[in-house]
Amino acid sequence: MKGSALLGGAHTGRYARGMAASGGSIHRADVVILTAIPLEYEAAMQVRAGAWKGSLWDEGTGPNGLPVAFRTFRGKDGQPLRVALALAGDMGAVAATNALLPLVEAYQPRGVAMCGVCAGRPGKTNLGDVIAADRLFFHDTGKRLPKKVQQDIKTYNLRDDWKVAIEQFDSAARFQKQAWWKNRPIPYEWQQNWVLAKLLARVKDPAALPECKEFCPQWETVIASLWKSRLVKRGELALTDKGRARIRQVLAQHRQRLPDVSPAGKLMPFKVHVAPMGSGNQVVEDKAVWSFVSEHMRKTLGLEMEAAALGAVAHAPRPSV
């Protein structure tokens, strides 16, 4: 699951210029994009869609001594949009704030953003979806009582015009020819359904089929999950009654044909969700947390560790430069 936070107002007015350590060249940025871990930073460095013709990522060291890379993209009305991509020293709100503040002071961006991995709400999001945060908040604030927690929620909101622009953006029309779109992950649920459908069709070993790499690229993980959920007999490739009932229901819903959910297929499960995103001090792998979080912010679809700190920095008043 991908999460993103995009906020304006970090600084307005003229650009101040910061010195990059790589060769001492002077850089400015319209937008600073922060990442929390190297995996996210490296993934963002692979983005080429919309890049200014002839531009490349210019890597160096930022004012905080951490990695930063610059590249120009094509913005609104074809105008150049200078992006500074940065890596924080660690995960969490404190590390994000410590990394972001020197960048904002040095490059004077019009907006700050963050991209990376987040936990998506089960049943409402799929693997590979993007959550664009319209509201950021810390989900673990407040007062803990013996039997409940009294939440103190403060939100940092996305501008209304940006929110509407994201909601109306046709991502399929814009990106379906891009390599990242064609190679994006297939949700585990759909990989499971492919395996179950092949077993129902009496295929002895679906992994031996040439199309397995395309329709079930995470075979080992998918089979383990099918065994654990008792949809397939443990240690075997045979349907249980529970698994047989599930795949028959899926096939009945789709007129006895399993939809092609590969990136090249007609059914494209990819979706951009514009919804609240909560930040906390812990990595959460407990589904029960959603009942608590949604009680206080019912439309929350994403959980992670840094974005609300980004919102706080963006909304903090600063003098014009």
C-alpha atoms as a PDB file:
ATOM      1  CA  MET A   1       0.000   0.000   0.000  1.00  0.00           C
ATOM      2  CA  LYS A   2       1.275   3.407  -0.888  1.00  0.00           C
ATOM      3  CA  GLY A   3       0.497   6.453   1.142  1.00  0.00           C
ATOM      4  CA  SER A   4       1.096  10.079   0.347  1.00  0.00           C
ATOM      5  CA  ALA A   5       0.720  13.394   2.060  1.00  0.00           C
ATOM      6  CA  LEU A   6       0.874  16.640   0.133  1.00  0.00           C
ATOM      7  CA  LEU A   7       0.558  19.966   1.899  1.00  0.00           C
ATOM      8  CA  GLY A   8       1.085  23.575   0.933  1.00  0.00           C
ATOM      9  CA  GLY A   9       2.074  26.508   3.027  1.00  0.00           C
ATOM     10  CA  ALA A  10       5.462  25.436   4.327  1.00  0.00           C
ATOM     11  CA  HIS A  11       6.846  28.688   2.955  1.00  0.00           C
ATOM     12  CA  THR A  12       5.619  31.382   0.623  1.00  0.00           C
ATOM     13  CA  GLY A  13       7.320  34.282  -1.096  1.00  0.00           C
ATOM     14  CA  ARG A  14      10.661  34.387  -2.869  1.00  0.00           C
ATOM     15  CA  TYR A  15      12.877  31.321  -2.982  1.00  0.00           C
ATOM     16  CA  ALA A  16      15.886  31.143  -0.718  1.00  0.00           C
ATOM     17  CA  ARG A  17      18.643  29.015  -2.155  1.00  0.00           C
ATOM     18  CA  GLY A  18      20.421  26.176  -0.426  1.00  0.00           C
ATOM     19  CA  MET A  19      23.839  24.773  -1.165  1.00  0.00           C
ATOM     20  CA  ALA A  20      24.090  21.106  -2.109  1.00  0.00           C
ATOM     21  CA  ALA A  21      27.207  19.299  -1.019  1.00  0.00           C
ATOM     22  CA  SER A  22      27.628  17.644  -4.422  1.00  0.00           C
ATOM     23  CA  GLY A  23      29.994  20.009  -6.194  1.00  0.00           C
ATOM     24  CA  GLY A  24      28.706  23.013  -4.243  1.00  0.00           C
ATOM     25  CA  SER A  25      25.953  23.684  -6.826  1.00  0.00           C
ATOM     26  CA  ILE A  26      23.033  25.887  -5.837  1.00  0.00           C
ATOM     27  CA  HIS A  27      19.593  24.276  -5.693  1.00  0.00           C
ATOM     28  CA  ARG A  28      16.071  25.419  -5.127  1.00  0.00           C
ATOM     29  CA  ALA A  29      12.865  23.383  -4.895  1.00  0.00           C
ATOM     30  CA  ASP A  30       9.188  23.970  -5.523  1.00  0.00           C
ATOM     31  CA  VAL A  31       8.363  20.821  -3.558  1.00  0.00           C
ATOM     32  CA  VAL A  32      10.289  18.812  -0.970  1.00  0.00           C
ATOM     33  CA  ILE A  33       9.286  15.132  -0.864  1.00  0.00           C
ATOM     34  CA  LEU A  34      10.405  13.197   2.201  1.00  0.00           C
ATOM     35  CA  THR A  35      10.835   9.433   2.519  1.00  0.00           C
ATOM     36  CA  ALA A  36      11.387   7.511   5.757  1.00  0.00           C
ATOM     37  CA  ILE A  37      13.371   4.457   4.639  1.00  0.00           C
ATOM     38  CA  PRO A  38      15.867   3.702   1.828  1.00  0.00           C
ATOM     39  CA  LEU A  39      13.372   1.412   0.058  1.00  0.00           C
ATOM     40  CA  GLU A  40      10.945   4.326  -0.355  1.00  0.00           C
ATOM     41  CA  TYR A  41      13.702   6.722  -1.418  1.00  0.00           C
ATOM     42  CA  GLU A  42      15.014   4.288  -4.054  1.00  0.00           C
ATOM     43  CA  ALA A  43      11.492   3.616  -5.357  1.00  0.00           C
ATOM     44  CA  ALA A  44      10.817   7.350  -5.742  1.00  0.00           C
ATOM     45  CA  MET A  45      14.112   7.713  -7.624  1.00  0.00           C
ATOM     46  CA  GLN A  46      12.702   5.403 -10.288  1.00  0.00           C
ATOM     47  CA  VAL A  47       9.898   7.839 -11.134  1.00  0.00           C
ATOM     48  CA  ARG A  48      10.276   9.187 -14.661  1.00  0.00           C
ATOM     49  CA  ALA A  49       6.660   9.953 -15.600  1.00  0.00           C
ATOM     50  CA  GLY A  50       6.231  13.656 -16.251  1.00  0.00           C
ATOM     51  CA  ALA A  51       9.937  14.432 -15.985  1.00  0.00           C
ATOM     52  CA  TRP A  52      11.271  17.444 -17.890  1.00  0.00           C
ATOM     53  CA  LYS A  53      12.889  16.351 -21.133  1.00  0.00           C
ATOM     54  CA  GLY A  54      16.578  15.689 -20.586  1.00  0.00           C
ATOM     55  CA  SER A  55      16.408  15.967 -16.802  1.00  0.00           C
ATOM     56  CA  LEU A  56      17.913  13.342 -14.510  1.00  0.00           C
ATOM     57  CA  TRP A  57      18.035  12.893 -10.752  1.00  0.00           C
ATOM     58  CA  ASP A  58      20.903  14.958  -9.362  1.00  0.00           C
ATOM     59  CA  GLU A  59      21.959  13.249  -6.129  1.00  0.00           C
ATOM     60  CA  GLY A  60      23.889  14.843  -3.316  1.00  0.00           C
ATOM     61  CA  THR A  61      23.804  15.622   0.379  1.00  0.00           C
ATOM     62  CA  GLY A  62      21.322  18.014   1.948  1.00  0.00           C
ATOM     63  CA  PRO A  63      21.882  20.631   4.670  1.00  0.00           C
ATOM     64  CA  ASN A  64      21.160  17.968   7.289  1.00  0.00           C
ATOM     65  CA  GLY A  65      23.866  15.648   5.945  1.00  0.00           C
ATOM     66  CA  LEU A  66      21.271  13.207   4.600  1.00  0.00           C
ATOM     67  CA  PRO A  67      20.717  12.124   0.972  1.00  0.00           C
ATOM     68  CA  VAL A  68      18.771  14.487  -1.280  1.00  0.00           C
ATOM     69  CA  ALA A  69      18.144  14.356  -5.033  1.00  0.00           C
ATOM     70  CA  PHE A  70      16.785  17.018  -7.404  1.00  0.00           C
ATOM     71  CA  ARG A  71      14.876  16.698 -10.640  1.00  0.00           C
ATOM     72  CA  THR A  72      12.602  18.889 -12.736  1.00  0.00           C
ATOM     73  CA  PHE A  73       9.147  17.702 -13.762  1.00  0.00           C
ATOM     74  CA  ARG A  74       6.478  19.211 -15.971  1.00  0.00           C
ATOM     75  CA  GLY A  75       3.955  20.987 -13.765  1.00  0.00           C
ATOM     76  CA  LYS A  76       0.718  22.881 -14.310  1.00  0.00           C
ATOM     77  CA  ASP A  77       0.391  24.523 -17.738  1.00  0.00           C
ATOM     78  CA  GLY A  78       3.701  22.968 -18.752  1.00  0.00           C
ATOM     79  CA  GLN A  79       5.708  25.005 -16.278  1.00  0.00           C
ATOM     80  CA  PRO A  80       8.834  23.440 -14.677  1.00  0.00           C
ATOM     81  CA  LEU A  81       8.315  21.941 -11.220  1.00  0.00           C
ATOM     82  CA  ARG A  82      11.544  21.466  -9.275  1.00  0.00           C
ATOM     83  CA  VAL A  83      11.411  18.530  -6.856  1.00  0.00           C
ATOM     84  CA  ALA A  84      13.780  17.762  -3.986  1.00  0.00           C
ATOM     85  CA  LEU A  85      13.553  14.139  -2.859  1.00  0.00           C
ATOM     86  CA  ALA A  86      14.993  13.487   0.596  1.00  0.00           C
ATOM     87  CA  LEU A  87      15.625  10.587   2.966  1.00  0.00           C
ATOM     88  CA  ALA A  88      15.082  10.870   6.717  1.00  0.00           C
ATOM     89  CA  GLY A  89      17.537   9.297   9.134  1.00  0.00           C
ATOM     90  CA  ASP A  90      14.967   6.938  10.650  1.00  0.00           C
ATOM     91  CA  MET A  91      11.278   6.151  10.849  1.00  0.00           C
ATOM     92  CA  GLY A  92       8.914   8.106  13.075  1.00  0.00           C
ATOM     93  CA  ALA A  93       7.670  11.645  13.606  1.00  0.00           C
ATOM     94  CA  VAL A  94      10.804  12.925  15.370  1.00  0.00           C
ATOM     95  CA  ALA A  95      13.134  11.754  12.581  1.00  0.00           C
ATOM     96  CA  ALA A  96      10.790  13.168   9.932  1.00  0.00           C
ATOM     97  CA  THR A  97      10.685  16.578  11.618  1.00  0.00           C
ATOM     98  CA  ASN A  98      14.460  16.667  12.132  1.00  0.00           C
ATOM     99  CA  ALA A  99      15.001  15.823   8.467  1.00  0.00           C
ATOM    100  CA  LEU A 100      12.378  18.160   7.047  1.00  0.00           C
ATOM    101  CA  LEU A 101      13.055  21.427   8.891  1.00  0.00           C
ATOM    102  CA  PRO A 102      16.591  22.017   7.492  1.00  0.00           C
ATOM    103  CA  LEU A 103      15.312  21.216   3.996  1.00  0.00           C
ATOM    104  CA  VAL A 104      12.466  23.712   4.289  1.00  0.00           C
ATOM    105  CA  GLU A 105      14.825  26.392   5.569  1.00  0.00           C
ATOM    106  CA  ALA A 106      17.386  25.733   2.827  1.00  0.00           C
ATOM    107  CA  TYR A 107      15.151  25.282  -0.218  1.00  0.00           C
ATOM    108  CA  GLN A 108      12.072  27.396   0.698  1.00  0.00           C
ATOM    109  CA  PRO A 109       9.538  25.128  -1.083  1.00  0.00           C
ATOM    110  CA  ARG A 110       5.950  26.110  -1.827  1.00  0.00           C
ATOM    111  CA  GLY A 111       4.829  22.722  -0.554  1.00  0.00           C
ATOM    112  CA  VAL A 112       6.069  19.638   1.264  1.00  0.00           C
ATOM    113  CA  ALA A 113       5.043  16.060   0.654  1.00  0.00           C
ATOM    114  CA  MET A 114       5.810  12.535   1.789  1.00  0.00           C
ATOM    115  CA  CYS A 115       5.461   9.220   0.004  1.00  0.00           C
ATOM    116  CA  GLY A 116       6.014   5.641   1.047  1.00  0.00           C
ATOM    117  CA  VAL A 117       4.449   2.493   2.409  1.00  0.00           C
ATOM    118  CA  CYS A 118       1.470   2.549   4.755  1.00  0.00           C
ATOM    119  CA  ALA A 119      -1.015   0.066   6.196  1.00  0.00           C
ATOM    120  CA  GLY A 120      -4.293   0.126   4.270  1.00  0.00           C
ATOM    121  CA  ARG A 121      -7.634  -0.592   5.868  1.00  0.00           C
ATOM    122  CA  PRO A 122      -8.675  -4.213   5.154  1.00  0.00           C
ATOM    123  CA  GLY A 123     -11.726  -4.583   2.953  1.00  0.00           C
ATOM    124  CA  LYS A 124     -11.511  -1.011   1.666  1.00  0.00           C
ATOM    125  CA  THR A 125      -8.041  -0.935   0.082  1.00  0.00           C
ATOM    126  CA  ASN A 126      -5.970  -3.302  -2.032  1.00  0.00           C
ATOM    127  CA  LEU A 127      -2.269  -3.988  -2.331  1.00  0.00           C
ATOM    128  CA  GLY A 128      -0.761  -1.376  -4.614  1.00  0.00           C
ATOM    129  CA  ASP A 129      -3.484   1.238  -4.092  1.00  0.00           C
ATOM    130  CA  VAL A 130      -2.501   4.801  -3.263  1.00  0.00           C
ATOM    131  CA  ILE A 131      -3.940   6.747  -0.340  1.00  0.00           C
ATOM    132  CA  ALA A 132      -3.705  10.520  -0.732  1.00  0.00           C
ATOM    133  CA  ALA A 133      -4.289  11.991   2.719  1.00  0.00           C
ATOM    134  CA  ASP A 134      -6.936  14.713   2.872  1.00  0.00           C
ATOM    135  CA  ARG A 135      -6.556  14.839   6.671  1.00  0.00           C
ATOM    136  CA  LEU A 136      -3.516  13.949   8.758  1.00  0.00           C
ATOM    137  CA  PHE A 137      -3.669  13.245  12.491  1.00  0.00           C
ATOM    138  CA  PHE A 138      -1.914  11.376  15.305  1.00  0.00           C
ATOM    139  CA  HIS A 139      -4.084   8.388  16.204  1.00  0.00           C
ATOM    140  CA  ASP A 140      -2.341   7.627  19.518  1.00  0.00           C
ATOM    141  CA  THR A 141      -2.824  10.934  21.346  1.00  0.00           C
ATOM    142  CA  GLY A 142      -5.121  11.700  24.266  1.00  0.00           C
ATOM    143  CA  LYS A 143      -5.644  10.261  27.715  1.00  0.00           C
ATOM    144  CA  ARG A 144      -5.682   6.542  28.528  1.00  0.00           C
ATOM    145  CA  LEU A 145      -8.202   5.478  31.163  1.00  0.00           C
ATOM    146  CA  PRO A 146      -8.535   1.948  32.620  1.00  0.00           C
ATOM    147  CA  LYS A 147     -11.126   0.873  30.044  1.00  0.00           C
ATOM    148  CA  LYS A 148     -10.904   3.426  27.257  1.00  0.00           C
ATOM    149  CA  VAL A 149      -8.865   6.169  25.619  1.00  0.00           C
ATOM    150  CA  GLN A 150     -10.105   9.727  25.371  1.00  0.00           C
ATOM    151  CA  GLN A 151      -8.765  10.964  22.053  1.00  0.00           C
ATOM    152  CA  ASP A 152      -7.554  14.503  21.392  1.00  0.00           C
ATOM    153  CA  ILE A 153      -7.665  14.736  17.590  1.00  0.00           C
ATOM    154  CA  LYS A 154      -6.066  17.614  15.718  1.00  0.00           C
ATOM    155  CA  THR A 155      -6.082  17.364  11.948  1.00  0.00           C
ATOM    156  CA  TYR A 156      -3.886  18.925   9.278  1.00  0.00           C
ATOM    157  CA  ASN A 157      -6.020  19.265   6.184  1.00  0.00           C
ATOM    158  CA  LEU A 158      -5.249  19.211   2.477  1.00  0.00           C
ATOM    159  CA  ARG A 159      -6.357  22.296   0.559  1.00  0.00           C
ATOM    160  CA  ASP A 160      -9.845  21.854  -0.910  1.00  0.00           C
ATOM    161  CA  ASP A 161      -8.769  22.591  -4.483  1.00  0.00           C
ATOM    162  CA  TRP A 162      -5.943  20.037  -4.253  1.00  0.00           C
ATOM    163  CA  LYS A 163      -8.329  17.475  -2.773  1.00  0.00           C
ATOM    164  CA  VAL A 164     -10.827  17.906  -5.609  1.00  0.00           C
ATOM    165  CA  ALA A 165      -8.032  17.801  -8.211  1.00  0.00           C
ATOM    166  CA  ILE A 166      -6.802  14.432  -6.872  1.00  0.00           C
ATOM    167  CA  GLU A 167     -10.339  13.029  -6.763  1.00  0.00           C
ATOM    168  CA  GLN A 168     -10.936  14.013 -10.387  1.00  0.00           C
ATOM    169  CA  PHE A 169      -7.550  12.870 -11.691  1.00  0.00           C
ATOM    170  CA  ASP A 170      -7.846  10.030 -14.238  1.00  0.00           C
ATOM    171  CA  SER A 171      -4.839   7.924 -13.252  1.00  0.00           C
ATOM    172  CA  ALA A 172      -5.623   5.153 -15.756  1.00  0.00           C
ATOM    173  CA  ALA A 173      -5.652   7.520 -18.717  1.00  0.00           C
ATOM    174  CA  ARG A 174      -2.474   9.241 -17.527  1.00  0.00           C
ATOM    175  CA  PHE A 175      -0.325   6.292 -16.489  1.00  0.00           C
ATOM    176  CA  GLN A 176      -1.546   3.038 -18.055  1.00  0.00           C
ATOM    177  CA  LYS A 177       1.278   3.043 -20.612  1.00  0.00           C
ATOM    178  CA  GLN A 178       3.967   3.595 -17.986  1.00  0.00           C
ATOM    179  CA  ALA A 179       6.200   0.678 -16.972  1.00  0.00           C
ATOM    180  CA  TRP A 180       5.416   1.047 -13.258  1.00  0.00           C
ATOM    181  CA  TRP A 181       1.686   0.749 -13.976  1.00  0.00           C
ATOM    182  CA  LYS A 182       2.165  -2.443 -15.987  1.00  0.00           C
ATOM    183  CA  ASN A 183       4.378  -3.975 -13.290  1.00  0.00           C
ATOM    184  CA  ARG A 184       2.462  -2.933 -10.179  1.00  0.00           C
ATOM    185  CA  PRO A 185       1.540  -5.630  -7.623  1.00  0.00           C
ATOM    186  CA  ILE A 186      -1.550  -7.809  -7.880  1.00  0.00           C
ATOM    187  CA  PRO A 187      -3.601  -7.979  -4.633  1.00  0.00           C
ATOM    188  CA  TYR A 188      -3.079 -11.181  -2.645  1.00  0.00           C
ATOM    189  CA  GLU A 189      -6.821 -11.853  -2.679  1.00  0.00           C
ATOM    190  CA  TRP A 190      -6.849 -11.991  -6.463  1.00  0.00           C
ATOM    191  CA  GLN A 191      -3.758 -14.215  -6.535  1.00  0.00           C
ATOM    192  CA  GLN A 192      -5.517 -16.561  -4.118  1.00  0.00           C
ATOM    193  CA  ASN A 193      -8.599 -16.630  -6.336  1.00  0.00           C
ATOM    194  CA  TRP A 194      -6.471 -17.564  -9.348  1.00  0.00           C
ATOM    195  CA  VAL A 195      -4.983 -20.522  -7.468  1.00  0.00           C
ATOM    196  CA  LEU A 196      -8.400 -21.610  -6.159  1.00  0.00           C
ATOM    197  CA  ALA A 197      -9.909 -21.392  -9.654  1.00  0.00           C
ATOM    198  CA  LYS A 198      -7.166 -23.560 -11.132  1.00  0.00           C
ATOM    199  CA  LEU A 199      -7.572 -26.136  -8.362  1.00  0.00           C
ATOM    200  CA  LEU A 200     -11.328 -26.147  -8.943  1.00  0.00           C
ATOM    201  CA  ALA A 201     -10.575 -26.799 -12.633  1.00  0.00           C
ATOM    202  CA  ARG A 202      -8.529 -29.834 -11.447  1.00  0.00           C
ATOM    203  CA  VAL A 203      -5.137 -28.418 -12.346  1.00  0.00           C
ATOM    204  CA  LYS A 204      -2.782 -30.528 -10.212  1.00  0.00           C
ATOM    205  CA  ASP A 205      -0.036 -27.908  -9.854  1.00  0.00           C
ATOM    206  CA  PRO A 206      -0.955 -24.319 -10.817  1.00  0.00           C
ATOM    207  CA  ALA A 207       2.648 -23.251 -10.121  1.00  0.00           C
ATOM    208  CA  ALA A 208       3.756 -25.251 -13.168  1.00  0.00           C
ATOM    209  CA  LEU A 209       1.590 -23.180 -15.529  1.00  0.00           C
ATOM    210  CA  PRO A 210       3.500 -20.602 -17.642  1.00  0.00           C
ATOM    211  CA  GLU A 211       1.104 -17.819 -16.604  1.00  0.00           C
ATOM    212  CA  CYS A 212       1.682 -18.405 -12.884  1.00  0.00           C
ATOM    213  CA  LYS A 213       4.465 -15.792 -12.758  1.00  0.00           C
ATOM    214  CA  GLU A 214       2.039 -13.195 -14.079  1.00  0.00           C
ATOM    215  CA  PHE A 215      -1.113 -14.077 -12.134  1.00  0.00           C
ATOM    216  CA  CYS A 216       0.433 -15.366  -8.901  1.00  0.00           C
ATOM    217  CA  PRO A 217       3.940 -13.849  -8.565  1.00  0.00           C
ATOM    218  CA  GLN A 218       3.970 -14.302  -4.765  1.00  0.00           C
ATOM    219  CA  TRP A 219       3.258 -18.044  -4.967  1.00  0.00           C
ATOM    220  CA  GLU A 220       4.938 -19.073  -1.705  1.00  0.00           C
ATOM    221  CA  THR A 221       3.196 -16.380   0.332  1.00  0.00           C
ATOM    222  CA  VAL A 222      -0.164 -17.023  -1.316  1.00  0.00           C
ATOM    223  CA  ILE A 223      -0.058 -20.793  -0.751  1.00  0.00           C
ATOM    224  CA  ALA A 224       0.951 -20.301   2.888  1.00  0.00           C
ATOM    225  CA  SER A 225      -2.008 -17.964   3.381  1.00  0.00           C
ATOM    226  CA  LEU A 226      -4.392 -20.441   1.710  1.00  0.00           C
ATOM    227  CA  TRP A 227      -3.193 -23.174   4.056  1.00  0.00           C
ATOM    228  CA  LYS A 228      -3.478 -20.935   7.102  1.00  0.00           C
ATOM    229  CA  SER A 229      -7.018 -19.861   6.199  1.00  0.00           C
ATOM    230  CA  ARG A 230      -7.949 -23.510   5.461  1.00  0.00           C
ATOM    231  CA  LEU A 231      -9.045 -22.776   1.930  1.00  0.00           C
ATOM    232  CA  VAL A 232      -6.552 -25.396   0.726  1.00  0.00           C
ATOM    233  CA  LYS A 233      -5.620 -28.573   2.610  1.00  0.00           C
ATOM    234  CA  ARG A 234      -2.429 -27.959   4.583  1.00  0.00           C
ATOM    235  CA  GLY A 235       0.636 -29.341   2.844  1.00  0.00           C
ATOM    236  CA  GLU A 236      -1.364 -30.216  -0.285  1.00  0.00           C
ATOM    237  CA  LEU A 237      -2.754 -28.605  -3.414  1.00  0.00           C
ATOM    238  CA  ALA A 238      -6.361 -29.607  -2.868  1.00  0.00           C
ATOM    239  CA  LEU A 239      -9.398 -27.492  -2.109  1.00  0.00           C
ATOM    240  CA  THR A 240     -11.227 -27.720   1.188  1.00  0.00           C
ATOM    241  CA  ASP A 241     -14.993 -27.299   1.310  1.00  0.00           C
ATOM    242  CA  LYS A 242     -14.390 -23.743   2.497  1.00  0.00           C
ATOM    243  CA  GLY A 243     -12.080 -22.998  -0.440  1.00  0.00           C
ATOM    244  CA  ARG A 244     -14.457 -24.595  -2.923  1.00  0.00           C
ATOM    245  CA  ALA A 245     -17.343 -22.474  -1.614  1.00  0.00           C
ATOM    246  CA  ARG A 246     -15.319 -19.268  -1.856  1.00  0.00           C
ATOM    247  CA  ILE A 247     -14.140 -19.700  -5.432  1.00  0.00           C
ATOM    248  CA  ARG A 248     -17.583 -20.816  -6.623  1.00  0.00           C
ATOM    249  CA  GLN A 249     -19.018 -17.625  -5.167  1.00  0.00           C
ATOM    250  CA  VAL A 250     -16.358 -15.512  -6.909  1.00  0.00           C
ATOM    251  CA  LEU A 251     -16.971 -17.241 -10.242  1.00  0.00           C
ATOM    252  CA  ALA A 252     -20.740 -16.877  -9.912  1.00  0.00           C
ATOM    253  CA  GLN A 253     -20.263 -13.162  -9.288  1.00  0.00           C
ATOM    254  CA  HIS A 254     -18.198 -12.828 -12.486  1.00  0.00           C
ATOM    255  CA  ARG A 255     -20.314 -15.030 -14.783  1.00  0.00           C
ATOM    256  CA  GLN A 256     -18.179 -18.135 -14.296  1.00  0.00           C
ATOM    257  CA  ARG A 257     -15.007 -16.443 -15.490  1.00  0.00           C
ATOM    258  CA  LEU A 258     -12.204 -15.324 -13.238  1.00  0.00           C
ATOM    259  CA  PRO A 259     -11.413 -11.698 -14.146  1.00  0.00           C
ATOM    260  CA  ASP A 260      -7.998 -10.921 -15.583  1.00  0.00           C
ATOM    261  CA  VAL A 261      -6.550  -8.748 -12.822  1.00  0.00           C
ATOM    262  CA  SER A 262      -3.057  -8.575 -14.248  1.00  0.00           C
ATOM    263  CA  PRO A 263      -1.876  -5.034 -15.054  1.00  0.00           C
ATOM    264  CA  ALA A 264      -2.533  -5.767 -18.732  1.00  0.00           C
ATOM    265  CA  GLY A 265      -6.062  -7.045 -18.083  1.00  0.00           C
ATOM    266  CA  LYS A 266      -9.366  -5.198 -18.407  1.00  0.00           C
ATOM    267  CA  LEU A 267     -10.106  -5.236 -14.685  1.00  0.00           C
ATOM    268  CA  MET A 268      -7.753  -2.772 -13.026  1.00  0.00           C
ATOM    269  CA  PRO A 269      -8.083  -2.969  -9.246  1.00  0.00           C
ATOM    270  CA  PHE A 270      -5.701  -0.041  -8.752  1.00  0.00           C
ATOM    271  CA  LYS A 271      -7.356   2.942  -7.050  1.00  0.00           C
ATOM    272  CA  VAL A 272      -6.402   6.295  -5.571  1.00  0.00           C
ATOM    273  CA  HIS A 273      -8.225   6.870  -2.280  1.00  0.00           C
ATOM    274  CA  VAL A 274      -8.553  10.404  -0.898  1.00  0.00           C
ATOM    275  CA  ALA A 275      -9.101   9.845   2.814  1.00  0.00           C
ATOM    276  CA  PRO A 276      -7.749  10.526   6.328  1.00  0.00           C
ATOM    277  CA  MET A 277      -4.423   9.001   7.346  1.00  0.00           C
ATOM    278  CA  GLY A 278      -3.342   8.449  10.947  1.00  0.00           C
ATOM    279  CA  SER A 279       0.207   8.513  12.303  1.00  0.00           C
ATOM    280  CA  GLY A 280       1.501   6.761  15.413  1.00  0.00           C
ATOM    281  CA  ASN A 281       4.689   5.816  17.206  1.00  0.00           C
ATOM    282  CA  GLN A 282       4.433   2.095  16.420  1.00  0.00           C
ATOM    283  CA  VAL A 283       4.377  -0.114  13.360  1.00  0.00           C
ATOM    284  CA  VAL A 284       0.901  -1.662  13.492  1.00  0.00           C
ATOM    285  CA  GLU A 285       0.179  -5.236  12.372  1.00  0.00           C
ATOM    286  CA  ASP A 286      -3.008  -5.683  14.410  1.00  0.00           C
ATOM    287  CA  LYS A 287      -6.279  -5.477  12.462  1.00  0.00           C
ATOM    288  CA  ALA A 288      -8.132  -4.703  15.687  1.00  0.00           C
ATOM    289  CA  VAL A 289      -6.612  -1.210  15.677  1.00  0.00           C
ATOM    290  CA  TRP A 290      -8.999  -0.158  12.920  1.00  0.00           C
ATOM    291  CA  SER A 291     -12.050  -0.380  15.160  1.00  0.00           C
ATOM    292  CA  PHE A 292     -10.345   2.009  17.596  1.00  0.00           C
ATOM    293  CA  VAL A 293      -9.053   4.438  14.967  1.00  0.00           C
ATOM    294  CA  SER A 294     -12.296   4.560  12.974  1.00  0.00           C
ATOM    295  CA  GLU A 295     -14.239   5.276  16.150  1.00  0.00           C
ATOM    296  CA  HIS A 296     -12.556   8.676  16.283  1.00  0.00           C
ATOM    297  CA  MET A 297     -11.947   9.283  12.544  1.00  0.00           C
ATOM    298  CA  ARG A 298     -14.405   7.032  10.763  1.00  0.00           C
ATOM    299  CA  LYS A 299     -13.120   7.427   7.189  1.00  0.00           C
ATOM    300  CA  THR A 300      -9.472   6.622   7.989  1.00  0.00           C
ATOM    301  CA  LEU A 301      -7.930   4.329   5.370  1.00  0.00           C
ATOM    302  CA  GLY A 302      -4.194   4.544   6.104  1.00  0.00           C
ATOM    303  CA  LEU A 303      -1.875   4.184   9.090  1.00  0.00           C
ATOM    304  CA  GLU A 304       1.836   4.993   9.222  1.00  0.00           C
ATOM    305  CA  MET A 305       4.362   6.809  11.434  1.00  0.00           C
ATOM    306  CA  GLU A 306       5.412  10.191  10.028  1.00  0.00           C
ATOM    307  CA  ALA A 307       2.850  12.050   7.899  1.00  0.00           C
ATOM    308  CA  ALA A 308       1.101  13.972  10.706  1.00  0.00           C
ATOM    309  CA  ALA A 309       4.457  15.480  11.684  1.00  0.00           C
ATOM    310  CA  LEU A 310       4.761  16.645   8.090  1.00  0.00           C
ATOM    311  CA  GLY A 311       1.339  18.261   8.414  1.00  0.00           C
ATOM    312  CA  ALA A 312       2.388  20.056  11.583  1.00  0.00           C
ATOM    313  CA  VAL A 313       5.491  21.483   9.897  1.00  0.00           C
ATOM    314  CA  ALA A 314       3.541  22.587   6.817  1.00  0.00           C
ATOM    315  CA  HIS A 315       0.880  24.353   8.875  1.00  0.00           C
ATOM    316  CA  ALA A 316       3.267  26.107  11.246  1.00  0.00           C
ATOM    317  CA  PRO A 317       3.281  29.894  10.601  1.00  0.00           C
ATOM    318  CA  ARG A 318       6.535  31.286   9.246  1.00  0.00           C
ATOM    319  CA  PRO A 319       7.523  34.753   8.072  1.00  0.00           C
ATOM    320  CA  SER A 320       7.716  35.371   4.348  1.00  0.00           C
ATOM    321  CA  VAL A 321      11.207  35.218   2.900  1.00  0.00           C
END
